[in-house]
Amino acid sequence: MSLNTLNTYLDHGVATPTLERNLLEVIQLLGELKTLGIDLDRVSTQLERESIGVLETNATTALTRLVLAA
């Protein structure tokens, strides 16, 4: 989480337990996704890989800038 996001949450956010909110509706929606052929495991894996790729690119860019600045 970025420092900016954390600070915004600290200024405006309210921590509340939400995992069990609308649980029956969530279970129903997950069933509908499965019926539609949407594989959440596959989707989450793809998003994770894409996120790691972005992080890798950002880290490489940052390291390159540091090397060039030295």
Protein backbone atom coordinates (compact mmCIF):
# COMPACT_ATOMS: atom_id res chain seq x y z
CA MET A 1 0.00 0.00 0.00
CA SER A 2 1.40 3.38 -0.91
CA LEU A 3 2.01 5.98 1.77
CA ASN A 4 -0.47 8.28 0.02
CA THR A 5 -3.18 5.60 0.18
CA LEU A 6 -2.45 4.92 3.84
CA ASN A 7 -2.58 8.61 4.74
CA THR A 8 -5.85 9.06 2.87
CA TYR A 9 -7.32 6.09 4.72
CA LEU A 10 -6.11 7.45 8.06
CA ASP A 11 -7.74 10.81 7.25
CA HIS A 12 -11.05 9.49 5.90
CA GLY A 13 -11.37 5.73 6.42
CA VAL A 14 -13.30 3.79 9.02
CA ALA A 15 -12.27 0.24 9.90
CA THR A 16 -15.27 -2.08 10.10
CA PRO A 17 -15.60 -5.85 9.83
CA THR A 18 -17.01 -6.54 6.37
CA LEU A 19 -15.99 -10.09 5.44
CA GLU A 20 -19.28 -11.60 6.54
CA ARG A 21 -21.49 -8.79 5.28
CA ASN A 22 -23.94 -10.06 2.63
CA LEU A 23 -22.33 -13.49 2.81
CA LEU A 24 -25.30 -15.34 1.27
CA GLU A 25 -25.43 -12.90 -1.63
CA VAL A 26 -21.69 -13.30 -2.20
CA ILE A 27 -21.98 -17.09 -2.25
CA GLN A 28 -24.80 -16.81 -4.79
CA LEU A 29 -22.75 -14.44 -6.99
CA LEU A 30 -19.76 -16.78 -6.88
CA GLY A 31 -22.02 -19.59 -8.05
CA GLU A 32 -23.29 -17.43 -10.91
CA LEU A 33 -19.72 -16.64 -11.99
CA LYS A 34 -18.90 -20.34 -12.02
CA THR A 35 -22.04 -21.03 -14.09
CA LEU A 36 -20.90 -18.38 -16.58
CA GLY A 37 -17.56 -20.15 -16.89
CA ILE A 38 -15.56 -17.50 -15.04
CA ASP A 39 -12.72 -19.18 -13.16
CA LEU A 40 -11.77 -16.87 -10.31
CA ASP A 41 -8.60 -18.84 -9.59
CA ARG A 42 -7.44 -18.26 -13.17
CA VAL A 43 -8.45 -14.59 -13.07
CA SER A 44 -6.67 -13.96 -9.78
CA THR A 45 -3.53 -15.76 -11.01
CA GLN A 46 -3.48 -13.62 -14.15
CA LEU A 47 -3.94 -10.42 -12.14
CA GLU A 48 -1.16 -11.47 -9.78
CA ARG A 49 1.22 -12.14 -12.69
CA GLU A 50 0.36 -8.80 -14.28
CA SER A 51 0.91 -6.98 -10.97
CA ILE A 52 4.27 -8.68 -10.47
CA GLY A 53 5.23 -7.67 -14.00
CA VAL A 54 4.41 -4.04 -13.28
CA LEU A 55 6.36 -4.15 -10.01
CA GLU A 56 9.33 -5.71 -11.80
CA THR A 57 9.24 -3.01 -14.47
CA ASN A 58 9.03 -0.25 -11.84
CA ALA A 59 11.88 -1.75 -9.82
CA THR A 60 14.05 -2.06 -12.94
CA THR A 61 13.31 1.54 -13.88
CA ALA A 62 14.14 2.76 -10.38
CA LEU A 63 17.39 0.80 -10.26
CA THR A 64 18.39 2.07 -13.71
CA ARG A 65 17.79 5.66 -12.61
CA LEU A 66 19.90 5.09 -9.49
CA VAL A 67 22.75 3.63 -11.52
CA LEU A 68 22.61 6.49 -14.02
CA ALA A 69 22.53 9.06 -11.22
CA ALA A 70 25.60 7.59 -9.50
